Amino acid sequence: MVELKSEQADPRDQDRAAGGERIPVYTLEEIVAEMKRLGLANRPELVDWGPDVGAEIIDDDYSRGLIGPGSGGSGVGGPQADKRPRAVRRPARRRAHGS
C-alpha cells in the first residue's frame, strides 16, 4: 500500500490491520530510496495476464491503428471545436448584504 500524507499528519490516523498491529506507512522518498538500493537486478518479473476480456477490451479507431495521437480524429480539440461558439463568462452578481 502506498499512501502519501502531509508532514503534519496525525500519527493516530495510521491504518491498523485486522489484528490491531500498525500497517507501516512509507513516504515516496523512502520508496524511491529502496528501489534505488535494490537496483534493476531485483525488479520483479512481468506477469502476462493474457488477452483483455469484457470491459478491458477497447475497440476504437486509435486501438485499431486507424488514427494516431494528435491526428485530430478523436474530436477532442479537433477542427469542429474551433467552429463552435465560445461560452462567455459573465461577471458574478453581488448579493445584497444579509440575504
C-alpha atoms as a PDB file:
ATOM      1  CA  MET A   1       0.000   0.000   0.000  1.00  0.00           C
ATOM      2  CA  VAL A   2       1.303   3.455  -0.911  1.00  0.00           C
ATOM      3  CA  GLU A   3      -0.181   6.406   0.891  1.00  0.00           C
ATOM      4  CA  LEU A   4       1.005   9.979   0.580  1.00  0.00           C
ATOM      5  CA  LYS A   5       0.413  12.156   3.624  1.00  0.00           C
ATOM      6  CA  SER A   6       1.496  15.627   4.617  1.00  0.00           C
ATOM      7  CA  GLU A   7       4.190  16.195   7.239  1.00  0.00           C
ATOM      8  CA  GLN A   8       1.535  17.419   9.680  1.00  0.00           C
ATOM      9  CA  ALA A   9      -0.488  14.192   9.503  1.00  0.00           C
ATOM     10  CA  ASP A  10      -1.707  12.906  12.852  1.00  0.00           C
ATOM     11  CA  PRO A  11       0.032   9.582  13.672  1.00  0.00           C
ATOM     12  CA  ARG A  12      -3.244   8.313  15.125  1.00  0.00           C
ATOM     13  CA  ASP A  13      -4.654   8.313  11.575  1.00  0.00           C
ATOM     14  CA  GLN A  14      -2.422   5.397  10.527  1.00  0.00           C
ATOM     15  CA  ASP A  15      -4.304   2.297   9.494  1.00  0.00           C
ATOM     16  CA  ARG A  16      -4.335  -0.819  11.594  1.00  0.00           C
ATOM     17  CA  ALA A  17      -4.548  -4.394  10.388  1.00  0.00           C
ATOM     18  CA  ALA A  18      -7.373  -6.689  11.484  1.00  0.00           C
ATOM     19  CA  GLY A  19      -5.271  -7.942  14.415  1.00  0.00           C
ATOM     20  CA  GLY A  20      -4.630  -4.405  15.681  1.00  0.00           C
ATOM     21  CA  GLU A  21      -0.975  -4.147  14.613  1.00  0.00           C
ATOM     22  CA  ARG A  22       0.033  -0.997  12.755  1.00  0.00           C
ATOM     23  CA  ILE A  23       0.448  -1.108   8.990  1.00  0.00           C
ATOM     24  CA  PRO A  24       3.628   0.771   8.041  1.00  0.00           C
ATOM     25  CA  VAL A  25       3.120   3.961   6.051  1.00  0.00           C
ATOM     26  CA  TYR A  26       6.027   4.856   3.751  1.00  0.00           C
ATOM     27  CA  THR A  27       6.830   8.199   2.184  1.00  0.00           C
ATOM     28  CA  LEU A  28       7.510   8.497  -1.530  1.00  0.00           C
ATOM     29  CA  GLU A  29      11.152   9.319  -0.755  1.00  0.00           C
ATOM     30  CA  GLU A  30      11.505   6.078   1.240  1.00  0.00           C
ATOM     31  CA  ILE A  31      10.005   4.028  -1.586  1.00  0.00           C
ATOM     32  CA  VAL A  32      12.282   5.578  -4.226  1.00  0.00           C
ATOM     33  CA  ALA A  33      15.339   5.136  -1.980  1.00  0.00           C
ATOM     34  CA  GLU A  34      14.524   1.426  -1.539  1.00  0.00           C
ATOM     35  CA  MET A  35      14.057   0.993  -5.306  1.00  0.00           C
ATOM     36  CA  LYS A  36      17.465   2.560  -5.933  1.00  0.00           C
ATOM     37  CA  ARG A  37      19.050   0.430  -3.201  1.00  0.00           C
ATOM     38  CA  LEU A  38      17.689  -2.809  -4.671  1.00  0.00           C
ATOM     39  CA  GLY A  39      18.579  -1.889  -8.268  1.00  0.00           C
ATOM     40  CA  LEU A  40      17.255  -3.223 -11.563  1.00  0.00           C
ATOM     41  CA  ALA A  41      18.516  -6.760 -10.921  1.00  0.00           C
ATOM     42  CA  ASN A  42      15.912  -7.240  -8.180  1.00  0.00           C
ATOM     43  CA  ARG A  43      12.995  -5.879 -10.171  1.00  0.00           C
ATOM     44  CA  PRO A  44      10.008  -8.275 -10.163  1.00  0.00           C
ATOM     45  CA  GLU A  45       9.370 -10.068 -13.436  1.00  0.00           C
ATOM     46  CA  LEU A  46       6.454  -9.001 -15.598  1.00  0.00           C
ATOM     47  CA  VAL A  47       3.270 -11.045 -15.421  1.00  0.00           C
ATOM     48  CA  ASP A  48       1.353 -11.836 -18.616  1.00  0.00           C
ATOM     49  CA  TRP A  49      -2.320 -11.682 -17.656  1.00  0.00           C
ATOM     50  CA  GLY A  50      -3.429 -12.806 -21.116  1.00  0.00           C
ATOM     51  CA  PRO A  51      -5.700 -11.012 -23.547  1.00  0.00           C
ATOM     52  CA  ASP A  52      -8.153  -8.365 -22.390  1.00  0.00           C
ATOM     53  CA  VAL A  53     -11.664  -9.578 -21.547  1.00  0.00           C
ATOM     54  CA  GLY A  54     -15.009  -7.855 -21.003  1.00  0.00           C
ATOM     55  CA  ALA A  55     -14.771  -4.148 -20.199  1.00  0.00           C
ATOM     56  CA  GLU A  56     -10.979  -4.279 -20.659  1.00  0.00           C
ATOM     57  CA  ILE A  57     -11.448  -4.577 -24.426  1.00  0.00           C
ATOM     58  CA  ILE A  58     -11.190  -1.207 -26.138  1.00  0.00           C
ATOM     59  CA  ASP A  59     -12.376  -1.225 -29.731  1.00  0.00           C
ATOM     60  CA  ASP A  60     -11.917   2.220 -31.222  1.00  0.00           C
ATOM     61  CA  ASP A  61     -10.120   3.864 -34.134  1.00  0.00           C
ATOM     62  CA  TYR A  62      -6.998   4.559 -32.053  1.00  0.00           C
ATOM     63  CA  SER A  63      -6.580   0.980 -30.811  1.00  0.00           C
ATOM     64  CA  ARG A  64      -7.117  -0.342 -34.354  1.00  0.00           C
ATOM     65  CA  GLY A  65      -4.360   1.953 -35.641  1.00  0.00           C
ATOM     66  CA  LEU A  66      -6.663   3.986 -37.865  1.00  0.00           C
ATOM     67  CA  ILE A  67      -5.718   7.255 -36.180  1.00  0.00           C
ATOM     68  CA  GLY A  68      -2.627   8.323 -34.297  1.00  0.00           C
ATOM     69  CA  PRO A  69      -2.093  10.537 -31.302  1.00  0.00           C
ATOM     70  CA  GLY A  70      -2.798  14.173 -32.125  1.00  0.00           C
ATOM     71  CA  SER A  71      -4.318  13.384 -35.511  1.00  0.00           C
ATOM     72  CA  GLY A  72      -7.497  15.270 -34.653  1.00  0.00           C
ATOM     73  CA  GLY A  73      -9.663  12.238 -35.298  1.00  0.00           C
ATOM     74  CA  SER A  74     -10.772  11.951 -31.694  1.00  0.00           C
ATOM     75  CA  GLY A  75     -12.977  15.049 -31.803  1.00  0.00           C
ATOM     76  CA  VAL A  76     -11.374  16.464 -28.679  1.00  0.00           C
ATOM     77  CA  GLY A  77      -9.864  19.796 -29.615  1.00  0.00           C
ATOM     78  CA  GLY A  78     -10.214  18.955 -33.288  1.00  0.00           C
ATOM     79  CA  PRO A  79     -11.337  21.239 -36.118  1.00  0.00           C
ATOM     80  CA  GLN A  80     -15.008  21.014 -35.082  1.00  0.00           C
ATOM     81  CA  ALA A  81     -14.231  22.530 -31.682  1.00  0.00           C
ATOM     82  CA  ASP A  82     -12.932  25.756 -33.262  1.00  0.00           C
ATOM     83  CA  LYS A  83     -16.133  26.366 -35.240  1.00  0.00           C
ATOM     84  CA  ARG A  84     -18.459  26.278 -32.246  1.00  0.00           C
ATOM     85  CA  PRO A  85     -19.291  29.489 -30.395  1.00  0.00           C
ATOM     86  CA  ARG A  86     -17.411  30.009 -27.163  1.00  0.00           C
ATOM     87  CA  ALA A  87     -19.175  30.423 -23.849  1.00  0.00           C
ATOM     88  CA  VAL A  88     -18.785  33.889 -22.392  1.00  0.00           C
ATOM     89  CA  ARG A  89     -18.383  34.137 -18.652  1.00  0.00           C
ATOM     90  CA  ARG A  90     -20.491  36.887 -17.161  1.00  0.00           C
ATOM     91  CA  PRO A  91     -19.300  38.784 -14.101  1.00  0.00           C
ATOM     92  CA  ALA A  92     -20.706  37.429 -10.843  1.00  0.00           C
ATOM     93  CA  ARG A  93     -23.701  39.269  -9.444  1.00  0.00           C
ATOM     94  CA  ARG A  94     -23.294  40.707  -5.989  1.00  0.00           C
ATOM     95  CA  ARG A  95     -25.882  39.808  -3.408  1.00  0.00           C
ATOM     96  CA  ALA A  96     -27.316  42.342  -1.055  1.00  0.00           C
ATOM     97  CA  HIS A  97     -25.813  42.097   2.419  1.00  0.00           C
ATOM     98  CA  GLY A  98     -27.835  39.903   4.777  1.00  0.00           C
ATOM     99  CA  SER A  99     -29.701  37.867   2.175  1.00  0.00           C
END
